[in-house]
Amino acid sequence: MKRPFLAPLPVILLCAALCIACIQSHREVARLLVQAEALMEAYPDSARQCIEAIQHTSDLPEDYRMRYCLLSVYIKAKTGSDISNDTLIVEAKNYFLQQKDFPRAALAAFYSGRVWQYRGDNRALQAYLEAGEWVEHIADSLLKGRVVRNIGLLYYDSWADYQSAIPHLKNSRRYI
């Protein structure tokens, strides 16, 4: 007796259901990322809740993973958490540059500078200088001020280059 050809049907239906579930979960992640971005400056604790609701970040598409990384570091820094081990932010910076997403690239460069600075690494100044190049092309004056200020502070604190520090510190006041 011949078996009916129904065995593959449940497998196909299961695969279709899994695909739909993945699409819905990516929609939810996208919604949480947008919410976190909207909340991060004024309400970082609420943004943190959005970010913490995202699970299995290694399974996310690259764009979502890099946005998650950037938001995670931003929110940690904003709420006073330790960011010294968040070196993945450098990968996020490179990704956003590749995508020509200069506002996010500038923010990621700034936070990579913060990570290096917390680690006592000389790469902090280079990261801030990179952020300074890209920040000139965006409208975020607060970020511009932060970048210029941190460049000035590094010159002042770390390298005792007061002649370079003073103009940066003065210029940062224009933005903040």
N, C-alpha and C. Protein backbone atom coordinates (compact mmCIF):
# COMPACT_ATOMS: atom_id res chain seq x y z
N MET A 1 0.84 -1.16 0.00
CA MET A 1 0.00 0.00 0.00
C MET A 1 0.90 1.24 0.00
N LYS A 2 0.51 2.17 -0.80
CA LYS A 2 1.26 3.40 -0.95
C LYS A 2 0.81 4.44 0.07
N ARG A 3 1.77 5.15 0.66
CA ARG A 3 1.45 6.21 1.62
C ARG A 3 1.00 7.46 0.88
N PRO A 4 0.11 8.21 1.50
CA PRO A 4 -0.27 9.48 0.87
C PRO A 4 0.88 10.48 0.97
N PHE A 5 0.91 11.38 0.07
CA PHE A 5 1.98 12.39 -0.01
C PHE A 5 1.67 13.59 0.89
N LEU A 6 1.47 13.35 2.18
CA LEU A 6 1.14 14.42 3.12
C LEU A 6 2.27 14.72 4.10
N ALA A 7 3.29 13.90 4.16
CA ALA A 7 4.36 14.08 5.13
C ALA A 7 5.06 15.44 5.00
N PRO A 8 5.38 15.92 3.80
CA PRO A 8 6.06 17.21 3.71
C PRO A 8 5.17 18.41 4.07
N LEU A 9 3.86 18.24 3.98
CA LEU A 9 2.96 19.36 4.26
C LEU A 9 3.13 19.93 5.67
N PRO A 10 3.17 19.10 6.72
CA PRO A 10 3.40 19.68 8.06
C PRO A 10 4.75 20.38 8.19
N VAL A 11 5.76 19.85 7.53
CA VAL A 11 7.09 20.48 7.58
C VAL A 11 7.04 21.84 6.90
N ILE A 12 6.38 21.92 5.77
CA ILE A 12 6.25 23.20 5.06
C ILE A 12 5.47 24.20 5.89
N LEU A 13 4.39 23.76 6.50
CA LEU A 13 3.60 24.65 7.36
C LEU A 13 4.40 25.13 8.57
N LEU A 14 5.18 24.23 9.15
CA LEU A 14 6.02 24.61 10.30
C LEU A 14 7.06 25.64 9.88
N CYS A 15 7.70 25.43 8.74
CA CYS A 15 8.69 26.40 8.24
C CYS A 15 8.05 27.75 7.98
N ALA A 16 6.86 27.74 7.39
CA ALA A 16 6.15 29.01 7.13
C ALA A 16 5.82 29.72 8.43
N ALA A 17 5.38 28.97 9.43
CA ALA A 17 5.05 29.57 10.72
C ALA A 17 6.29 30.17 11.38
N LEU A 18 7.42 29.47 11.28
CA LEU A 18 8.67 30.00 11.85
C LEU A 18 9.11 31.27 11.13
N CYS A 19 8.97 31.29 9.82
CA CYS A 19 9.33 32.50 9.05
C CYS A 19 8.47 33.68 9.48
N ILE A 20 7.18 33.44 9.63
CA ILE A 20 6.27 34.52 10.05
C ILE A 20 6.63 34.99 11.45
N ALA A 21 6.96 34.04 12.35
CA ALA A 21 7.35 34.41 13.71
C ALA A 21 8.61 35.26 13.70
N CYS A 22 9.58 34.91 12.85
CA CYS A 22 10.82 35.69 12.76
C CYS A 22 10.54 37.10 12.26
N ILE A 23 9.70 37.22 11.25
CA ILE A 23 9.35 38.54 10.72
C ILE A 23 8.68 39.37 11.80
N GLN A 24 7.77 38.78 12.54
CA GLN A 24 7.10 39.52 13.59
C GLN A 24 8.08 39.92 14.68
N SER A 25 9.02 39.04 15.02
CA SER A 25 9.97 39.40 16.08
C SER A 25 10.89 40.52 15.59
N HIS A 26 11.25 40.53 14.30
CA HIS A 26 12.06 41.62 13.78
C HIS A 26 11.28 42.93 13.77
N ARG A 27 9.99 42.85 13.53
CA ARG A 27 9.16 44.06 13.62
C ARG A 27 9.15 44.59 15.05
N GLU A 28 9.06 43.69 16.00
CA GLU A 28 9.06 44.09 17.41
C GLU A 28 10.41 44.71 17.79
N VAL A 29 11.49 44.12 17.32
CA VAL A 29 12.82 44.67 17.59
C VAL A 29 12.94 46.06 16.97
N ALA A 30 12.47 46.20 15.74
CA ALA A 30 12.52 47.51 15.07
C ALA A 30 11.73 48.54 15.87
N ARG A 31 10.56 48.15 16.36
CA ARG A 31 9.73 49.06 17.17
C ARG A 31 10.46 49.46 18.45
N LEU A 32 11.09 48.48 19.11
CA LEU A 32 11.81 48.77 20.35
C LEU A 32 13.02 49.68 20.11
N LEU A 33 13.72 49.46 18.99
CA LEU A 33 14.87 50.31 18.66
C LEU A 33 14.42 51.75 18.40
N VAL A 34 13.34 51.92 17.66
CA VAL A 34 12.82 53.26 17.38
C VAL A 34 12.39 53.94 18.68
N GLN A 35 11.72 53.20 19.54
CA GLN A 35 11.30 53.76 20.83
C GLN A 35 12.51 54.17 21.66
N ALA A 36 13.51 53.31 21.72
CA ALA A 36 14.70 53.61 22.51
C ALA A 36 15.41 54.84 21.97
N GLU A 37 15.51 54.96 20.65
CA GLU A 37 16.15 56.15 20.05
C GLU A 37 15.39 57.42 20.40
N ALA A 38 14.06 57.33 20.42
CA ALA A 38 13.25 58.50 20.74
C ALA A 38 13.37 58.90 22.20
N LEU A 39 13.61 57.93 23.06
CA LEU A 39 13.65 58.18 24.50
C LEU A 39 15.04 58.43 25.06
N MET A 40 16.09 58.06 24.32
CA MET A 40 17.43 57.97 24.91
C MET A 40 17.96 59.27 25.49
N GLU A 41 17.70 60.39 24.88
CA GLU A 41 18.26 61.64 25.39
C GLU A 41 17.53 62.13 26.64
N ALA A 42 16.21 62.18 26.58
CA ALA A 42 15.44 62.74 27.70
C ALA A 42 15.11 61.71 28.77
N TYR A 43 14.90 60.45 28.38
CA TYR A 43 14.47 59.42 29.33
C TYR A 43 15.32 58.16 29.16
N PRO A 44 16.60 58.23 29.55
CA PRO A 44 17.48 57.08 29.32
C PRO A 44 17.06 55.81 30.06
N ASP A 45 16.42 55.95 31.21
CA ASP A 45 15.98 54.75 31.94
C ASP A 45 14.86 54.03 31.18
N SER A 46 13.96 54.79 30.57
CA SER A 46 12.91 54.18 29.75
C SER A 46 13.51 53.56 28.50
N ALA A 47 14.49 54.22 27.91
CA ALA A 47 15.17 53.67 26.73
C ALA A 47 15.87 52.37 27.11
N ARG A 48 16.44 52.32 28.29
CA ARG A 48 17.11 51.09 28.76
C ARG A 48 16.12 49.94 28.83
N GLN A 49 14.90 50.21 29.27
CA GLN A 49 13.89 49.15 29.34
C GLN A 49 13.57 48.61 27.95
N CYS A 50 13.50 49.50 26.97
CA CYS A 50 13.26 49.06 25.58
C CYS A 50 14.40 48.17 25.11
N ILE A 51 15.63 48.60 25.36
CA ILE A 51 16.79 47.84 24.91
C ILE A 51 16.87 46.49 25.62
N GLU A 52 16.57 46.47 26.90
CA GLU A 52 16.64 45.22 27.66
C GLU A 52 15.56 44.23 27.24
N ALA A 53 14.50 44.72 26.60
CA ALA A 53 13.42 43.84 26.13
C ALA A 53 13.83 43.07 24.87
N ILE A 54 14.92 43.49 24.24
CA ILE A 54 15.40 42.81 23.02
C ILE A 54 16.25 41.62 23.44
N GLN A 55 15.88 40.46 22.96
CA GLN A 55 16.59 39.23 23.31
C GLN A 55 17.27 38.65 22.09
N HIS A 56 18.24 37.82 22.31
CA HIS A 56 18.95 37.10 21.24
C HIS A 56 19.50 38.07 20.19
N THR A 57 20.29 39.01 20.63
CA THR A 57 20.81 40.03 19.72
C THR A 57 21.76 39.45 18.67
N SER A 58 22.37 38.32 18.95
CA SER A 58 23.28 37.74 17.95
C SER A 58 22.53 37.21 16.74
N ASP A 59 21.23 36.96 16.87
CA ASP A 59 20.41 36.46 15.76
C ASP A 59 19.81 37.58 14.92
N LEU A 60 20.02 38.82 15.32
CA LEU A 60 19.41 39.95 14.62
C LEU A 60 20.13 40.25 13.31
N PRO A 61 19.44 40.86 12.35
CA PRO A 61 20.13 41.36 11.16
C PRO A 61 21.20 42.39 11.56
N GLU A 62 22.21 42.54 10.74
CA GLU A 62 23.35 43.39 11.10
C GLU A 62 22.93 44.82 11.45
N ASP A 63 22.02 45.39 10.69
CA ASP A 63 21.58 46.76 10.97
C ASP A 63 21.00 46.88 12.38
N TYR A 64 20.13 45.95 12.74
CA TYR A 64 19.53 45.98 14.08
C TYR A 64 20.58 45.75 15.16
N ARG A 65 21.52 44.81 14.90
CA ARG A 65 22.58 44.53 15.88
C ARG A 65 23.44 45.75 16.14
N MET A 66 23.80 46.47 15.07
CA MET A 66 24.65 47.65 15.23
C MET A 66 23.89 48.79 15.90
N ARG A 67 22.63 48.96 15.56
CA ARG A 67 21.81 49.98 16.24
C ARG A 67 21.65 49.63 17.72
N TYR A 68 21.44 48.35 18.00
CA TYR A 68 21.32 47.89 19.39
C TYR A 68 22.61 48.20 20.14
N CYS A 69 23.74 47.89 19.53
CA CYS A 69 25.04 48.15 20.16
C CYS A 69 25.21 49.62 20.47
N LEU A 70 24.94 50.48 19.50
CA LEU A 70 25.07 51.92 19.70
C LEU A 70 24.16 52.41 20.81
N LEU A 71 22.90 52.01 20.77
CA LEU A 71 21.95 52.44 21.80
C LEU A 71 22.33 51.91 23.17
N SER A 72 22.79 50.69 23.21
CA SER A 72 23.17 50.09 24.49
C SER A 72 24.31 50.88 25.15
N VAL A 73 25.34 51.19 24.37
CA VAL A 73 26.48 51.94 24.91
C VAL A 73 26.04 53.36 25.30
N TYR A 74 25.26 53.98 24.44
CA TYR A 74 24.77 55.35 24.71
C TYR A 74 24.00 55.38 26.03
N ILE A 75 23.09 54.44 26.18
CA ILE A 75 22.23 54.41 27.38
C ILE A 75 23.05 54.08 28.62
N LYS A 76 23.99 53.14 28.50
CA LYS A 76 24.85 52.82 29.65
C LYS A 76 25.63 54.06 30.08
N ALA A 77 26.21 54.76 29.12
CA ALA A 77 26.99 55.96 29.46
C ALA A 77 26.09 57.02 30.07
N LYS A 78 24.91 57.18 29.53
CA LYS A 78 23.97 58.21 30.00
C LYS A 78 23.49 57.93 31.42
N THR A 79 23.39 56.64 31.78
CA THR A 79 22.89 56.27 33.11
C THR A 79 24.02 55.96 34.09
N GLY A 80 25.27 56.18 33.67
CA GLY A 80 26.40 56.01 34.58
C GLY A 80 26.90 54.58 34.72
N SER A 81 26.50 53.71 33.83
CA SER A 81 26.98 52.32 33.87
C SER A 81 28.35 52.23 33.21
N ASP A 82 29.05 51.16 33.51
CA ASP A 82 30.39 50.93 32.97
C ASP A 82 30.31 50.58 31.48
N ILE A 83 31.05 51.30 30.65
CA ILE A 83 31.09 51.00 29.21
C ILE A 83 32.49 50.59 28.77
N SER A 84 33.40 50.40 29.69
CA SER A 84 34.79 50.16 29.34
C SER A 84 35.02 48.88 28.54
N ASN A 85 34.10 47.94 28.60
CA ASN A 85 34.26 46.69 27.85
C ASN A 85 33.43 46.64 26.57
N ASP A 86 32.79 47.73 26.22
CA ASP A 86 31.90 47.76 25.06
C ASP A 86 32.65 48.15 23.79
N THR A 87 33.69 47.40 23.46
CA THR A 87 34.51 47.73 22.30
C THR A 87 33.83 47.38 20.98
N LEU A 88 32.71 46.69 21.01
CA LEU A 88 31.94 46.41 19.81
C LEU A 88 31.44 47.71 19.16
N ILE A 89 31.45 48.78 19.91
CA ILE A 89 31.01 50.08 19.38
C ILE A 89 31.89 50.51 18.20
N VAL A 90 33.14 50.07 18.18
CA VAL A 90 34.03 50.40 17.07
C VAL A 90 33.52 49.72 15.80
N GLU A 91 33.07 48.49 15.92
CA GLU A 91 32.48 47.79 14.78
C GLU A 91 31.21 48.51 14.30
N ALA A 92 30.41 48.99 15.25
CA ALA A 92 29.20 49.72 14.89
C ALA A 92 29.56 51.00 14.14
N LYS A 93 30.59 51.70 14.60
CA LYS A 93 31.03 52.92 13.91
C LYS A 93 31.40 52.61 12.47
N ASN A 94 32.18 51.57 12.27
CA ASN A 94 32.60 51.19 10.92
C ASN A 94 31.39 50.79 10.06
N TYR A 95 30.45 50.10 10.66
CA TYR A 95 29.24 49.71 9.92
C TYR A 95 28.46 50.95 9.47
N PHE A 96 28.25 51.89 10.38
CA PHE A 96 27.47 53.08 10.02
C PHE A 96 28.20 53.93 8.98
N LEU A 97 29.50 53.97 9.05
CA LEU A 97 30.27 54.67 8.01
C LEU A 97 30.08 54.02 6.66
N GLN A 98 30.14 52.71 6.65
CA GLN A 98 29.95 51.96 5.42
C GLN A 98 28.56 52.22 4.83
N GLN A 99 27.57 52.38 5.70
CA GLN A 99 26.20 52.64 5.26
C GLN A 99 25.95 54.12 4.97
N LYS A 100 26.97 54.94 5.20
CA LYS A 100 26.87 56.40 5.04
C LYS A 100 25.78 57.01 5.94
N ASP A 101 25.63 56.41 7.11
CA ASP A 101 24.71 56.90 8.14
C ASP A 101 25.56 57.75 9.09
N PHE A 102 25.83 58.99 8.67
CA PHE A 102 26.79 59.83 9.39
C PHE A 102 26.33 60.25 10.79
N PRO A 103 25.05 60.51 11.02
CA PRO A 103 24.68 60.82 12.41
C PRO A 103 24.99 59.67 13.38
N ARG A 104 24.68 58.45 12.99
CA ARG A 104 24.97 57.31 13.86
C ARG A 104 26.47 57.03 13.90
N ALA A 105 27.16 57.24 12.78
CA ALA A 105 28.61 57.03 12.75
C ALA A 105 29.30 58.02 13.70
N ALA A 106 28.85 59.27 13.69
CA ALA A 106 29.43 60.28 14.59
C ALA A 106 29.18 59.90 16.04
N LEU A 107 27.96 59.48 16.34
CA LEU A 107 27.63 59.09 17.72
C LEU A 107 28.44 57.86 18.14
N ALA A 108 28.56 56.88 17.24
CA ALA A 108 29.34 55.68 17.55
C ALA A 108 30.82 56.01 17.71
N ALA A 109 31.34 56.93 16.90
CA ALA A 109 32.75 57.34 17.04
C ALA A 109 32.95 58.04 18.38
N PHE A 110 32.01 58.90 18.75
CA PHE A 110 32.10 59.58 20.04
C PHE A 110 32.13 58.56 21.18
N TYR A 111 31.22 57.59 21.15
CA TYR A 111 31.17 56.61 22.23
C TYR A 111 32.32 55.63 22.17
N SER A 112 32.89 55.39 21.00
CA SER A 112 34.10 54.56 20.98
C SER A 112 35.24 55.34 21.66
N GLY A 113 35.25 56.66 21.46
CA GLY A 113 36.22 57.49 22.19
C GLY A 113 36.02 57.40 23.69
N ARG A 114 34.76 57.41 24.11
CA ARG A 114 34.48 57.30 25.55
C ARG A 114 34.95 55.95 26.09
N VAL A 115 34.71 54.88 25.32
CA VAL A 115 35.15 53.54 25.74
C VAL A 115 36.67 53.53 25.89
N TRP A 116 37.38 54.04 24.86
CA TRP A 116 38.85 54.06 24.92
C TRP A 116 39.32 54.94 26.07
N GLN A 117 38.64 56.05 26.29
CA GLN A 117 39.04 56.96 27.37
C GLN A 117 38.90 56.27 28.72
N TYR A 118 37.80 55.57 28.95
CA TYR A 118 37.61 54.84 30.22
C TYR A 118 38.66 53.76 30.41
N ARG A 119 39.14 53.22 29.31
CA ARG A 119 40.16 52.17 29.38
C ARG A 119 41.56 52.76 29.50
N GLY A 120 41.69 54.09 29.41
CA GLY A 120 42.99 54.73 29.47
C GLY A 120 43.80 54.52 28.21
N ASP A 121 43.13 54.35 27.10
CA ASP A 121 43.75 54.03 25.82
C ASP A 121 43.92 55.31 24.99
N ASN A 122 45.08 55.45 24.37
CA ASN A 122 45.36 56.65 23.56
C ASN A 122 44.50 56.75 22.30
N ARG A 123 43.78 55.67 21.95
CA ARG A 123 42.90 55.72 20.78
C ARG A 123 41.69 56.62 21.00
N ALA A 124 41.48 57.06 22.22
CA ALA A 124 40.34 57.92 22.51
C ALA A 124 40.40 59.21 21.70
N LEU A 125 41.54 59.85 21.67
CA LEU A 125 41.66 61.12 20.94
C LEU A 125 41.37 60.91 19.46
N GLN A 126 41.91 59.85 18.88
CA GLN A 126 41.66 59.58 17.45
C GLN A 126 40.16 59.38 17.20
N ALA A 127 39.49 58.67 18.08
CA ALA A 127 38.05 58.43 17.92
C ALA A 127 37.28 59.75 18.01
N TYR A 128 37.65 60.60 18.95
CA TYR A 128 36.98 61.91 19.07
C TYR A 128 37.25 62.79 17.84
N LEU A 129 38.47 62.74 17.33
CA LEU A 129 38.78 63.52 16.13
C LEU A 129 37.98 63.02 14.93
N GLU A 130 37.82 61.70 14.81
CA GLU A 130 36.97 61.15 13.75
C GLU A 130 35.54 61.62 13.92
N ALA A 131 35.04 61.56 15.14
CA ALA A 131 33.67 62.01 15.40
C ALA A 131 33.54 63.48 15.05
N GLY A 132 34.58 64.26 15.32
CA GLY A 132 34.56 65.69 14.98
C GLY A 132 34.44 65.94 13.49
N GLU A 133 35.03 65.06 12.68
CA GLU A 133 34.91 65.21 11.23
C GLU A 133 33.47 64.99 10.77
N TRP A 134 32.82 63.98 11.29
CA TRP A 134 31.47 63.63 10.83
C TRP A 134 30.40 64.49 11.48
N VAL A 135 30.66 64.96 12.67
CA VAL A 135 29.64 65.73 13.39
C VAL A 135 29.40 67.09 12.74
N GLU A 136 30.36 67.57 11.99
CA GLU A 136 30.18 68.85 11.31
C GLU A 136 29.10 68.79 10.24
N HIS A 137 28.76 67.60 9.79
CA HIS A 137 27.79 67.44 8.71
C HIS A 137 26.39 67.09 9.21
N ILE A 138 26.19 67.14 10.53
CA ILE A 138 24.86 66.82 11.07
C ILE A 138 24.38 67.97 11.94
N ALA A 139 23.12 67.94 12.29
CA ALA A 139 22.50 69.06 13.00
C ALA A 139 22.54 68.94 14.52
N ASP A 140 23.09 67.88 15.06
CA ASP A 140 23.08 67.64 16.51
C ASP A 140 24.14 68.51 17.20
N SER A 141 23.73 69.69 17.62
CA SER A 141 24.70 70.60 18.23
C SER A 141 25.17 70.10 19.60
N LEU A 142 24.34 69.37 20.30
CA LEU A 142 24.75 68.82 21.59
C LEU A 142 25.90 67.82 21.41
N LEU A 143 25.79 66.97 20.41
CA LEU A 143 26.87 66.03 20.13
C LEU A 143 28.13 66.77 19.69
N LYS A 144 27.97 67.81 18.88
CA LYS A 144 29.11 68.62 18.46
C LYS A 144 29.84 69.16 19.68
N GLY A 145 29.07 69.71 20.62
CA GLY A 145 29.67 70.25 21.83
C GLY A 145 30.39 69.20 22.66
N ARG A 146 29.78 68.02 22.76
CA ARG A 146 30.40 66.94 23.53
C ARG A 146 31.72 66.49 22.91
N VAL A 147 31.72 66.38 21.58
CA VAL A 147 32.92 65.94 20.89
C VAL A 147 34.04 66.95 21.09
N VAL A 148 33.76 68.21 20.82
CA VAL A 148 34.78 69.26 20.94
C VAL A 148 35.27 69.37 22.38
N ARG A 149 34.36 69.27 23.32
CA ARG A 149 34.73 69.35 24.75
C ARG A 149 35.65 68.20 25.14
N ASN A 150 35.30 66.98 24.72
CA ASN A 150 36.13 65.84 25.09
C ASN A 150 37.50 65.88 24.44
N ILE A 151 37.59 66.41 23.23
CA ILE A 151 38.90 66.60 22.61
C ILE A 151 39.73 67.56 23.47
N GLY A 152 39.10 68.67 23.85
CA GLY A 152 39.79 69.64 24.70
C GLY A 152 40.22 69.06 26.03
N LEU A 153 39.33 68.28 26.65
CA LEU A 153 39.67 67.68 27.94
C LEU A 153 40.82 66.68 27.82
N LEU A 154 40.85 65.92 26.74
CA LEU A 154 41.96 64.98 26.56
C LEU A 154 43.27 65.72 26.37
N TYR A 155 43.24 66.78 25.57
CA TYR A 155 44.46 67.58 25.40
C TYR A 155 44.88 68.15 26.75
N TYR A 156 43.95 68.62 27.51
CA TYR A 156 44.25 69.26 28.79
C TYR A 156 44.74 68.24 29.82
N ASP A 157 44.00 67.14 29.98
CA ASP A 157 44.31 66.17 31.04
C ASP A 157 45.45 65.22 30.69
N SER A 158 45.34 64.60 29.55
CA SER A 158 46.25 63.50 29.24
C SER A 158 47.59 63.94 28.67
N TRP A 159 47.56 64.90 27.81
CA TRP A 159 48.80 65.25 27.12
C TRP A 159 49.33 66.63 27.52
N ALA A 160 48.63 67.30 28.39
CA ALA A 160 49.06 68.61 28.90
C ALA A 160 49.39 69.56 27.74
N ASP A 161 48.64 69.45 26.67
CA ASP A 161 48.81 70.33 25.52
C ASP A 161 47.77 71.46 25.66
N TYR A 162 48.08 72.39 26.53
CA TYR A 162 47.13 73.45 26.87
C TYR A 162 46.81 74.34 25.68
N GLN A 163 47.77 74.55 24.80
CA GLN A 163 47.53 75.41 23.64
C GLN A 163 46.46 74.81 22.72
N SER A 164 46.42 73.50 22.63
CA SER A 164 45.39 72.84 21.82
C SER A 164 44.08 72.70 22.59
N ALA A 165 44.16 72.59 23.89
CA ALA A 165 42.97 72.37 24.70
C ALA A 165 42.08 73.59 24.76
N ILE A 166 42.65 74.75 24.92
CA ILE A 166 41.88 75.97 25.16
C ILE A 166 40.88 76.26 24.04
N PRO A 167 41.27 76.26 22.76
CA PRO A 167 40.28 76.55 21.72
C PRO A 167 39.14 75.52 21.67
N HIS A 168 39.47 74.25 21.92
CA HIS A 168 38.42 73.24 21.91
C HIS A 168 37.44 73.46 23.06
N LEU A 169 37.96 73.74 24.22
CA LEU A 169 37.08 73.96 25.37
C LEU A 169 36.22 75.21 25.17
N LYS A 170 36.80 76.26 24.60
CA LYS A 170 36.03 77.46 24.33
C LYS A 170 34.95 77.20 23.28
N ASN A 171 35.29 76.49 22.22
CA ASN A 171 34.34 76.22 21.15
C ASN A 171 33.20 75.31 21.59
N SER A 172 33.47 74.43 22.55
CA SER A 172 32.41 73.53 23.00
C SER A 172 31.27 74.29 23.63
N ARG A 173 31.53 75.43 24.20
CA ARG A 173 30.48 76.24 24.84
C ARG A 173 29.48 76.77 23.82
N ARG A 174 29.91 76.90 22.55
CA ARG A 174 29.00 77.37 21.51
C ARG A 174 27.86 76.39 21.29
N TYR A 175 28.15 75.12 21.46
CA TYR A 175 27.18 74.08 21.12
C TYR A 175 26.31 73.63 22.28
N ILE A 176 26.90 73.63 23.47
CA ILE A 176 26.17 73.04 24.61
C ILE A 176 25.30 74.08 25.28
